[in-house]
Amino acid sequence: MNIQNMMKQAQEMQQRLQQQMSDMRVEATAGGGMVTVVVNGNKQLQSIKIDPEVVSKEDVEMLQDLIVAAFNDAARKVDEQLGQSMSGLMGGLKIPGL
């Protein structure tokens, strides 16, 4: 296999992965569903839903913590899905750090 073919295949793989990341939607919740976030594969927040029951002037910190927890859970799920996708694209080849 020549180097140009390998480079072309790598570029095509990168384009497929970038498209997959843009199309991916991951949902995560915190506080038993009181806060729900949706992020894409680039870990950009797409939407957030907050149960009105959790909105309280007296406990803004709890709401902030729930938002952070939901977002962090969604980001972890994105990493897991991308790891699985990369494993599939690489034919099961294990690359440290992915």
PDB file of N, CA and C in Angstrom:
ATOM      1  N   MET A   1       0.855  -1.176   0.000  1.00  0.00           N
ATOM      2  CA  MET A   1       0.000   0.000   0.000  1.00  0.00           C
ATOM      3  C   MET A   1       0.902   1.240   0.000  1.00  0.00           C
ATOM      4  N   ASN A   2       0.608   2.169  -0.888  1.00  0.00           N
ATOM      5  CA  ASN A   2       1.458   3.351  -0.949  1.00  0.00           C
ATOM      6  C   ASN A   2       1.001   4.429   0.022  1.00  0.00           C
ATOM      7  N   ILE A   3       1.874   5.346   0.269  1.00  0.00           N
ATOM      8  CA  ILE A   3       1.641   6.374   1.288  1.00  0.00           C
ATOM      9  C   ILE A   3       0.484   7.296   0.910  1.00  0.00           C
ATOM     10  N   GLN A   4       0.312   7.571  -0.381  1.00  0.00           N
ATOM     11  CA  GLN A   4      -0.785   8.448  -0.810  1.00  0.00           C
ATOM     12  C   GLN A   4      -2.141   7.807  -0.518  1.00  0.00           C
ATOM     13  N   ASN A   5      -2.242   6.513  -0.749  1.00  0.00           N
ATOM     14  CA  ASN A   5      -3.483   5.796  -0.444  1.00  0.00           C
ATOM     15  C   ASN A   5      -3.768   5.848   1.053  1.00  0.00           C
ATOM     16  N   MET A   6      -2.749   5.634   1.850  1.00  0.00           N
ATOM     17  CA  MET A   6      -2.916   5.659   3.300  1.00  0.00           C
ATOM     18  C   MET A   6      -3.364   7.045   3.770  1.00  0.00           C
ATOM     19  N   MET A   7      -2.773   8.080   3.221  1.00  0.00           N
ATOM     20  CA  MET A   7      -3.127   9.451   3.592  1.00  0.00           C
ATOM     21  C   MET A   7      -4.574   9.754   3.195  1.00  0.00           C
ATOM     22  N   LYS A   8      -4.967   9.298   2.007  1.00  0.00           N
ATOM     23  CA  LYS A   8      -6.329   9.522   1.539  1.00  0.00           C
ATOM     24  C   LYS A   8      -7.324   8.805   2.446  1.00  0.00           C
ATOM     25  N   GLN A   9      -7.023   7.565   2.828  1.00  0.00           N
ATOM     26  CA  GLN A   9      -7.903   6.813   3.709  1.00  0.00           C
ATOM     27  C   GLN A   9      -8.006   7.481   5.089  1.00  0.00           C
ATOM     28  N   ALA A  10      -6.887   7.968   5.592  1.00  0.00           N
ATOM     29  CA  ALA A  10      -6.887   8.639   6.893  1.00  0.00           C
ATOM     30  C   ALA A  10      -7.733   9.912   6.830  1.00  0.00           C
ATOM     31  N   GLN A  11      -7.626  10.651   5.746  1.00  0.00           N
ATOM     32  CA  GLN A  11      -8.401  11.871   5.585  1.00  0.00           C
ATOM     33  C   GLN A  11      -9.902  11.556   5.497  1.00  0.00           C
ATOM     34  N   GLU A  12     -10.249  10.513   4.759  1.00  0.00           N
ATOM     35  CA  GLU A  12     -11.650  10.110   4.650  1.00  0.00           C
ATOM     36  C   GLU A  12     -12.194   9.671   6.013  1.00  0.00           C
ATOM     37  N   MET A  13     -11.378   8.944   6.764  1.00  0.00           N
ATOM     38  CA  MET A  13     -11.779   8.499   8.095  1.00  0.00           C
ATOM     39  C   MET A  13     -12.007   9.704   9.008  1.00  0.00           C
ATOM     40  N   GLN A  14     -11.139  10.689   8.918  1.00  0.00           N
ATOM     41  CA  GLN A  14     -11.268  11.885   9.734  1.00  0.00           C
ATOM     42  C   GLN A  14     -12.549  12.644   9.379  1.00  0.00           C
ATOM     43  N   GLN A  15     -12.857  12.735   8.092  1.00  0.00           N
ATOM     44  CA  GLN A  15     -14.073  13.421   7.674  1.00  0.00           C
ATOM     45  C   GLN A  15     -15.322  12.693   8.170  1.00  0.00           C
ATOM     46  N   ARG A  16     -15.309  11.355   8.095  1.00  0.00           N
ATOM     47  CA  ARG A  16     -16.447  10.580   8.586  1.00  0.00           C
ATOM     48  C   ARG A  16     -16.620  10.783  10.086  1.00  0.00           C
ATOM     49  N   LEU A  17     -15.511  10.784  10.817  1.00  0.00           N
ATOM     50  CA  LEU A  17     -15.571  10.971  12.262  1.00  0.00           C
ATOM     51  C   LEU A  17     -16.084  12.366  12.611  1.00  0.00           C
ATOM     52  N   GLN A  18     -15.635  13.388  11.901  1.00  0.00           N
ATOM     53  CA  GLN A  18     -16.100  14.751  12.169  1.00  0.00           C
ATOM     54  C   GLN A  18     -17.597  14.875  11.904  1.00  0.00           C
ATOM     55  N   GLN A  19     -18.081  14.239  10.840  1.00  0.00           N
ATOM     56  CA  GLN A  19     -19.506  14.269  10.540  1.00  0.00           C
ATOM     57  C   GLN A  19     -20.286  13.528  11.619  1.00  0.00           C
ATOM     58  N   GLN A  20     -19.754  12.390  12.030  1.00  0.00           N
ATOM     59  CA  GLN A  20     -20.399  11.598  13.070  1.00  0.00           C
ATOM     60  C   GLN A  20     -20.474  12.403  14.373  1.00  0.00           C
ATOM     61  N   MET A  21     -19.424  13.131  14.699  1.00  0.00           N
ATOM     62  CA  MET A  21     -19.411  13.936  15.914  1.00  0.00           C
ATOM     63  C   MET A  21     -20.455  15.050  15.841  1.00  0.00           C
ATOM     64  N   SER A  22     -20.592  15.671  14.680  1.00  0.00           N
ATOM     65  CA  SER A  22     -21.579  16.741  14.527  1.00  0.00           C
ATOM     66  C   SER A  22     -23.002  16.209  14.621  1.00  0.00           C
ATOM     67  N   ASP A  23     -23.228  14.997  14.101  1.00  0.00           N
ATOM     68  CA  ASP A  23     -24.565  14.405  14.090  1.00  0.00           C
ATOM     69  C   ASP A  23     -24.948  13.768  15.422  1.00  0.00           C
ATOM     70  N   MET A  24     -23.964  13.398  16.214  1.00  0.00           N
ATOM     71  CA  MET A  24     -24.214  12.690  17.475  1.00  0.00           C
ATOM     72  C   MET A  24     -24.954  13.586  18.455  1.00  0.00           C
ATOM     73  N   ARG A  25     -25.921  12.992  19.153  1.00  0.00           N
ATOM     74  CA  ARG A  25     -26.618  13.679  20.231  1.00  0.00           C
ATOM     75  C   ARG A  25     -26.617  12.751  21.437  1.00  0.00           C
ATOM     76  N   VAL A  26     -26.172  13.260  22.565  1.00  0.00           N
ATOM     77  CA  VAL A  26     -26.122  12.479  23.796  1.00  0.00           C
ATOM     78  C   VAL A  26     -26.898  13.233  24.862  1.00  0.00           C
ATOM     79  N   GLU A  27     -27.776  12.507  25.547  1.00  0.00           N
ATOM     80  CA  GLU A  27     -28.579  13.102  26.613  1.00  0.00           C
ATOM     81  C   GLU A  27     -28.115  12.555  27.954  1.00  0.00           C
ATOM     82  N   ALA A  28     -28.080  13.425  28.939  1.00  0.00           N
ATOM     83  CA  ALA A  28     -27.732  13.012  30.297  1.00  0.00           C
ATOM     84  C   ALA A  28     -28.579  13.819  31.271  1.00  0.00           C
ATOM     85  N   THR A  29     -28.810  13.208  32.440  1.00  0.00           N
ATOM     86  CA  THR A  29     -29.622  13.882  33.447  1.00  0.00           C
ATOM     87  C   THR A  29     -28.890  13.915  34.783  1.00  0.00           C
ATOM     88  N   ALA A  30     -29.386  14.758  35.667  1.00  0.00           N
ATOM     89  CA  ALA A  30     -28.869  14.836  37.036  1.00  0.00           C
ATOM     90  C   ALA A  30     -30.053  15.133  37.945  1.00  0.00           C
ATOM     91  N   GLY A  31     -29.894  14.762  39.202  1.00  0.00           N
ATOM     92  CA  GLY A  31     -30.942  15.029  40.171  1.00  0.00           C
ATOM     93  C   GLY A  31     -32.215  14.256  39.887  1.00  0.00           C
ATOM     94  N   GLY A  32     -32.057  13.025  39.412  1.00  0.00           N
ATOM     95  CA  GLY A  32     -33.243  12.213  39.140  1.00  0.00           C
ATOM     96  C   GLY A  32     -34.087  12.754  38.009  1.00  0.00           C
ATOM     97  N   GLY A  33     -33.445  13.406  37.046  1.00  0.00           N
ATOM     98  CA  GLY A  33     -34.164  13.942  35.900  1.00  0.00           C
ATOM     99  C   GLY A  33     -34.568  15.396  36.046  1.00  0.00           C
ATOM    100  N   MET A  34     -34.126  16.024  37.127  1.00  0.00           N
ATOM    101  CA  MET A  34     -34.492  17.430  37.329  1.00  0.00           C
ATOM    102  C   MET A  34     -33.786  18.345  36.329  1.00  0.00           C
ATOM    103  N   VAL A  35     -32.602  17.938  35.898  1.00  0.00           N
ATOM    104  CA  VAL A  35     -31.871  18.675  34.873  1.00  0.00           C
ATOM    105  C   VAL A  35     -31.489  17.682  33.781  1.00  0.00           C
ATOM    106  N   THR A  36     -31.806  18.028  32.540  1.00  0.00           N
ATOM    107  CA  THR A  36     -31.470  17.191  31.386  1.00  0.00           C
ATOM    108  C   THR A  36     -30.729  18.049  30.375  1.00  0.00           C
ATOM    109  N   VAL A  37     -29.598  17.542  29.905  1.00  0.00           N
ATOM    110  CA  VAL A  37     -28.844  18.254  28.873  1.00  0.00           C
ATOM    111  C   VAL A  37     -28.659  17.343  27.666  1.00  0.00           C
ATOM    112  N   VAL A  38     -28.522  17.975  26.508  1.00  0.00           N
ATOM    113  CA  VAL A  38     -28.190  17.270  25.275  1.00  0.00           C
ATOM    114  C   VAL A  38     -26.961  17.958  24.703  1.00  0.00           C
ATOM    115  N   VAL A  39     -25.929  17.168  24.408  1.00  0.00           N
ATOM    116  CA  VAL A  39     -24.713  17.694  23.797  1.00  0.00           C
ATOM    117  C   VAL A  39     -24.447  16.928  22.509  1.00  0.00           C
ATOM    118  N   ASN A  40     -23.702  17.552  21.603  1.00  0.00           N
ATOM    119  CA  ASN A  40     -23.305  16.845  20.393  1.00  0.00           C
ATOM    120  C   ASN A  40     -21.943  16.193  20.608  1.00  0.00           C
ATOM    121  N   GLY A  41     -21.445  15.530  19.598  1.00  0.00           N
ATOM    122  CA  GLY A  41     -20.174  14.827  19.699  1.00  0.00           C
ATOM    123  C   GLY A  41     -18.974  15.730  19.888  1.00  0.00           C
ATOM    124  N   ASN A  42     -19.167  17.021  19.654  1.00  0.00           N
ATOM    125  CA  ASN A  42     -18.103  17.995  19.891  1.00  0.00           C
ATOM    126  C   ASN A  42     -18.196  18.583  21.295  1.00  0.00           C
ATOM    127  N   LYS A  43     -19.098  17.982  22.103  1.00  0.00           N
ATOM    128  CA  LYS A  43     -19.344  18.406  23.486  1.00  0.00           C
ATOM    129  C   LYS A  43     -19.860  19.838  23.568  1.00  0.00           C
ATOM    130  N   GLN A  44     -20.622  20.231  22.558  1.00  0.00           N
ATOM    131  CA  GLN A  44     -21.278  21.524  22.582  1.00  0.00           C
ATOM    132  C   GLN A  44     -22.705  21.326  23.079  1.00  0.00           C
ATOM    133  N   LEU A  45     -23.111  22.134  24.037  1.00  0.00           N
ATOM    134  CA  LEU A  45     -24.437  22.042  24.616  1.00  0.00           C
ATOM    135  C   LEU A  45     -25.477  22.399  23.557  1.00  0.00           C
ATOM    136  N   GLN A  46     -26.415  21.469  23.319  1.00  0.00           N
ATOM    137  CA  GLN A  46     -27.461  21.690  22.329  1.00  0.00           C
ATOM    138  C   GLN A  46     -28.761  22.150  22.987  1.00  0.00           C
ATOM    139  N   SER A  47     -29.066  21.574  24.149  1.00  0.00           N
ATOM    140  CA  SER A  47     -30.272  21.992  24.860  1.00  0.00           C
ATOM    141  C   SER A  47     -30.143  21.642  26.335  1.00  0.00           C
ATOM    142  N   ILE A  48     -30.959  22.323  27.126  1.00  0.00           N
ATOM    143  CA  ILE A  48     -31.002  22.066  28.562  1.00  0.00           C
ATOM    144  C   ILE A  48     -32.454  22.219  29.014  1.00  0.00           C
ATOM    145  N   LYS A  49     -32.901  21.268  29.822  1.00  0.00           N
ATOM    146  CA  LYS A  49     -34.252  21.320  30.389  1.00  0.00           C
ATOM    147  C   LYS A  49     -34.107  21.289  31.907  1.00  0.00           C
ATOM    148  N   ILE A  50     -34.792  22.204  32.562  1.00  0.00           N
ATOM    149  CA  ILE A  50     -34.744  22.290  34.019  1.00  0.00           C
ATOM    150  C   ILE A  50     -36.161  22.172  34.550  1.00  0.00           C
ATOM    151  N   ASP A  51     -36.376  21.202  35.409  1.00  0.00           N
ATOM    152  CA  ASP A  51     -37.677  21.024  36.050  1.00  0.00           C
ATOM    153  C   ASP A  51     -37.939  22.246  36.929  1.00  0.00           C
ATOM    154  N   PRO A  52     -39.081  22.899  36.774  1.00  0.00           N
ATOM    155  CA  PRO A  52     -39.383  24.086  37.579  1.00  0.00           C
ATOM    156  C   PRO A  52     -39.316  23.839  39.087  1.00  0.00           C
ATOM    157  N   GLU A  53     -39.506  22.597  39.497  1.00  0.00           N
ATOM    158  CA  GLU A  53     -39.446  22.263  40.925  1.00  0.00           C
ATOM    159  C   GLU A  53     -38.064  22.545  41.535  1.00  0.00           C
ATOM    160  N   VAL A  54     -37.020  22.485  40.708  1.00  0.00           N
ATOM    161  CA  VAL A  54     -35.660  22.643  41.222  1.00  0.00           C
ATOM    162  C   VAL A  54     -35.216  24.110  41.229  1.00  0.00           C
ATOM    163  N   VAL A  55     -36.015  24.982  40.641  1.00  0.00           N
ATOM    164  CA  VAL A  55     -35.657  26.394  40.579  1.00  0.00           C
ATOM    165  C   VAL A  55     -36.090  27.077  41.879  1.00  0.00           C
ATOM    166  N   SER A  56     -35.094  27.494  42.631  1.00  0.00           N
ATOM    167  CA  SER A  56     -35.368  28.140  43.914  1.00  0.00           C
ATOM    168  C   SER A  56     -34.315  29.212  44.165  1.00  0.00           C
ATOM    169  N   LYS A  57     -34.754  30.385  44.516  1.00  0.00           N
ATOM    170  CA  LYS A  57     -33.810  31.463  44.824  1.00  0.00           C
ATOM    171  C   LYS A  57     -32.916  31.103  46.000  1.00  0.00           C
ATOM    172  N   GLU A  58     -33.441  30.270  46.890  1.00  0.00           N
ATOM    173  CA  GLU A  58     -32.695  29.922  48.093  1.00  0.00           C
ATOM    174  C   GLU A  58     -31.597  28.885  47.828  1.00  0.00           C
ATOM    175  N   ASP A  59     -31.697  28.163  46.709  1.00  0.00           N
ATOM    176  CA  ASP A  59     -30.722  27.091  46.479  1.00  0.00           C
ATOM    177  C   ASP A  59     -30.207  27.093  45.039  1.00  0.00           C
ATOM    178  N   VAL A  60     -29.700  28.226  44.616  1.00  0.00           N
ATOM    179  CA  VAL A  60     -29.143  28.371  43.277  1.00  0.00           C
ATOM    180  C   VAL A  60     -27.934  27.452  43.102  1.00  0.00           C
ATOM    181  N   GLU A  61     -27.161  27.279  44.162  1.00  0.00           N
ATOM    182  CA  GLU A  61     -25.966  26.435  44.074  1.00  0.00           C
ATOM    183  C   GLU A  61     -26.313  25.000  43.708  1.00  0.00           C
ATOM    184  N   MET A  62     -27.412  24.474  44.247  1.00  0.00           N
ATOM    185  CA  MET A  62     -27.806  23.110  43.915  1.00  0.00           C
ATOM    186  C   MET A  62     -28.132  23.012  42.421  1.00  0.00           C
ATOM    187  N   LEU A  63     -28.855  23.980  41.881  1.00  0.00           N
ATOM    188  CA  LEU A  63     -29.181  23.982  40.460  1.00  0.00           C
ATOM    189  C   LEU A  63     -27.910  24.043  39.621  1.00  0.00           C
ATOM    190  N   GLN A  64     -26.988  24.885  40.018  1.00  0.00           N
ATOM    191  CA  GLN A  64     -25.714  24.976  39.294  1.00  0.00           C
ATOM    192  C   GLN A  64     -24.978  23.642  39.318  1.00  0.00           C
ATOM    193  N   ASP A  65     -24.956  22.997  40.468  1.00  0.00           N
ATOM    194  CA  ASP A  65     -24.294  21.697  40.597  1.00  0.00           C
ATOM    195  C   ASP A  65     -24.955  20.641  39.713  1.00  0.00           C
ATOM    196  N   LEU A  66     -26.294  20.663  39.656  1.00  0.00           N
ATOM    197  CA  LEU A  66     -27.011  19.699  38.822  1.00  0.00           C
ATOM    198  C   LEU A  66     -26.702  19.905  37.340  1.00  0.00           C
ATOM    199  N   ILE A  67     -26.617  21.151  36.923  1.00  0.00           N
ATOM    200  CA  ILE A  67     -26.287  21.448  35.522  1.00  0.00           C
ATOM    201  C   ILE A  67     -24.891  20.948  35.196  1.00  0.00           C
ATOM    202  N   VAL A  68     -23.939  21.237  36.068  1.00  0.00           N
ATOM    203  CA  VAL A  68     -22.564  20.788  35.855  1.00  0.00           C
ATOM    204  C   VAL A  68     -22.505  19.257  35.819  1.00  0.00           C
ATOM    205  N   ALA A  69     -23.195  18.603  36.742  1.00  0.00           N
ATOM    206  CA  ALA A  69     -23.178  17.138  36.794  1.00  0.00           C
ATOM    207  C   ALA A  69     -23.780  16.534  35.528  1.00  0.00           C
ATOM    208  N   ALA A  70     -24.887  17.087  35.053  1.00  0.00           N
ATOM    209  CA  ALA A  70     -25.520  16.571  33.839  1.00  0.00           C
ATOM    210  C   ALA A  70     -24.606  16.769  32.637  1.00  0.00           C
ATOM    211  N   PHE A  71     -23.994  17.937  32.536  1.00  0.00           N
ATOM    212  CA  PHE A  71     -23.101  18.200  31.403  1.00  0.00           C
ATOM    213  C   PHE A  71     -21.889  17.277  31.446  1.00  0.00           C
ATOM    214  N   ASN A  72     -21.296  17.103  32.613  1.00  0.00           N
ATOM    215  CA  ASN A  72     -20.128  16.225  32.727  1.00  0.00           C
ATOM    216  C   ASN A  72     -20.478  14.780  32.386  1.00  0.00           C
ATOM    217  N   ASP A  73     -21.659  14.337  32.777  1.00  0.00           N
ATOM    218  CA  ASP A  73     -22.101  12.987  32.438  1.00  0.00           C
ATOM    219  C   ASP A  73     -22.278  12.852  30.925  1.00  0.00           C
ATOM    220  N   ALA A  74     -22.841  13.863  30.301  1.00  0.00           N
ATOM    221  CA  ALA A  74     -23.015  13.835  28.846  1.00  0.00           C
ATOM    222  C   ALA A  74     -21.651  13.807  28.143  1.00  0.00           C
ATOM    223  N   ALA A  75     -20.703  14.589  28.620  1.00  0.00           N
ATOM    224  CA  ALA A  75     -19.368  14.611  28.019  1.00  0.00           C
ATOM    225  C   ALA A  75     -18.699  13.243  28.148  1.00  0.00           C
ATOM    226  N   ARG A  76     -18.891  12.583  29.300  1.00  0.00           N
ATOM    227  CA  ARG A  76     -18.340  11.236  29.487  1.00  0.00           C
ATOM    228  C   ARG A  76     -18.966  10.260  28.500  1.00  0.00           C
ATOM    229  N   LYS A  77     -20.274  10.379  28.292  1.00  0.00           N
ATOM    230  CA  LYS A  77     -20.968   9.502  27.345  1.00  0.00           C
ATOM    231  C   LYS A  77     -20.480   9.736  25.911  1.00  0.00           C
ATOM    232  N   VAL A  78     -20.208  10.987  25.570  1.00  0.00           N
ATOM    233  CA  VAL A  78     -19.657  11.292  24.241  1.00  0.00           C
ATOM    234  C   VAL A  78     -18.316  10.593  24.081  1.00  0.00           C
ATOM    235  N   ASP A  79     -17.456  10.699  25.102  1.00  0.00           N
ATOM    236  CA  ASP A  79     -16.140  10.051  25.028  1.00  0.00           C
ATOM    237  C   ASP A  79     -16.282   8.544  24.835  1.00  0.00           C
ATOM    238  N   GLU A  80     -17.229   7.945  25.542  1.00  0.00           N
ATOM    239  CA  GLU A  80     -17.443   6.500  25.413  1.00  0.00           C
ATOM    240  C   GLU A  80     -17.893   6.141  24.002  1.00  0.00           C
ATOM    241  N   GLN A  81     -18.858   6.891  23.476  1.00  0.00           N
ATOM    242  CA  GLN A  81     -19.359   6.597  22.136  1.00  0.00           C
ATOM    243  C   GLN A  81     -18.293   6.817  21.079  1.00  0.00           C
ATOM    244  N   LEU A  82     -17.512   7.877  21.229  1.00  0.00           N
ATOM    245  CA  LEU A  82     -16.443   8.133  20.259  1.00  0.00           C
ATOM    246  C   LEU A  82     -15.370   7.053  20.345  1.00  0.00           C
ATOM    247  N   GLY A  83     -15.080   6.587  21.550  1.00  0.00           N
ATOM    248  CA  GLY A  83     -14.117   5.504  21.713  1.00  0.00           C
ATOM    249  C   GLY A  83     -14.580   4.251  21.007  1.00  0.00           C
ATOM    250  N   GLN A  84     -15.871   3.949  21.128  1.00  0.00           N
ATOM    251  CA  GLN A  84     -16.418   2.785  20.440  1.00  0.00           C
ATOM    252  C   GLN A  84     -16.378   2.981  18.928  1.00  0.00           C
ATOM    253  N   SER A  85     -16.698   4.186  18.474  1.00  0.00           N
ATOM    254  CA  SER A  85     -16.673   4.473  17.040  1.00  0.00           C
ATOM    255  C   SER A  85     -15.263   4.354  16.488  1.00  0.00           C
ATOM    256  N   MET A  86     -14.307   4.909  17.212  1.00  0.00           N
ATOM    257  CA  MET A  86     -12.911   4.844  16.765  1.00  0.00           C
ATOM    258  C   MET A  86     -12.433   3.401  16.722  1.00  0.00           C
ATOM    259  N   SER A  87     -12.842   2.613  17.695  1.00  0.00           N
ATOM    260  CA  SER A  87     -12.465   1.207  17.721  1.00  0.00           C
ATOM    261  C   SER A  87     -13.007   0.504  16.488  1.00  0.00           C
ATOM    262  N   GLY A  88     -14.249   0.830  16.124  1.00  0.00           N
ATOM    263  CA  GLY A  88     -14.846   0.231  14.935  1.00  0.00           C
ATOM    264  C   GLY A  88     -14.149   0.678  13.664  1.00  0.00           C
ATOM    265  N   LEU A  89     -13.807   1.963  13.581  1.00  0.00           N
ATOM    266  CA  LEU A  89     -13.126   2.478  12.391  1.00  0.00           C
ATOM    267  C   LEU A  89     -11.730   1.898  12.235  1.00  0.00           C
ATOM    268  N   MET A  90     -11.093   1.625  13.376  1.00  0.00           N
ATOM    269  CA  MET A  90      -9.721   1.116  13.336  1.00  0.00           C
ATOM    270  C   MET A  90      -9.688  -0.416  13.275  1.00  0.00           C
ATOM    271  N   GLY A  91     -10.849  -1.019  13.102  1.00  0.00           N
ATOM    272  CA  GLY A  91     -10.897  -2.473  12.991  1.00  0.00           C
ATOM    273  C   GLY A  91     -10.526  -3.171  14.290  1.00  0.00           C
ATOM    274  N   GLY A  92     -10.843  -2.551  15.411  1.00  0.00           N
ATOM    275  CA  GLY A  92     -10.563  -3.174  16.697  1.00  0.00           C
ATOM    276  C   GLY A  92      -9.153  -2.926  17.217  1.00  0.00           C
ATOM    277  N   LEU A  93      -8.343  -2.195  16.455  1.00  0.00           N
ATOM    278  CA  LEU A  93      -6.981  -1.875  16.863  1.00  0.00           C
ATOM    279  C   LEU A  93      -7.031  -0.971  18.092  1.00  0.00           C
ATOM    280  N   LYS A  94      -6.353  -1.353  19.148  1.00  0.00           N
ATOM    281  CA  LYS A  94      -6.338  -0.554  20.378  1.00  0.00           C
ATOM    282  C   LYS A  94      -5.223   0.469  20.314  1.00  0.00           C
ATOM    283  N   ILE A  95      -5.601   1.729  20.477  1.00  0.00           N
ATOM    284  CA  ILE A  95      -4.625   2.823  20.500  1.00  0.00           C
ATOM    285  C   ILE A  95      -4.688   3.441  21.882  1.00  0.00           C
ATOM    286  N   PRO A  96      -3.583   3.492  22.597  1.00  0.00           N
ATOM    287  CA  PRO A  96      -3.599   4.070  23.946  1.00  0.00           C
ATOM    288  C   PRO A  96      -4.144   5.498  23.936  1.00  0.00           C
ATOM    289  N   GLY A  97      -5.013   5.784  24.880  1.00  0.00           N
ATOM    290  CA  GLY A  97      -5.572   7.123  25.000  1.00  0.00           C
ATOM    291  C   GLY A  97      -6.854   7.326  24.246  1.00  0.00           C
ATOM    292  N   LEU A  98      -7.278   6.369  23.439  1.00  0.00           N
ATOM    293  CA  LEU A  98      -8.548   6.500  22.703  1.00  0.00           C
ATOM    294  C   LEU A  98      -9.561   5.543  23.220  1.00  0.00           C
TER     295      LEU A  98
END
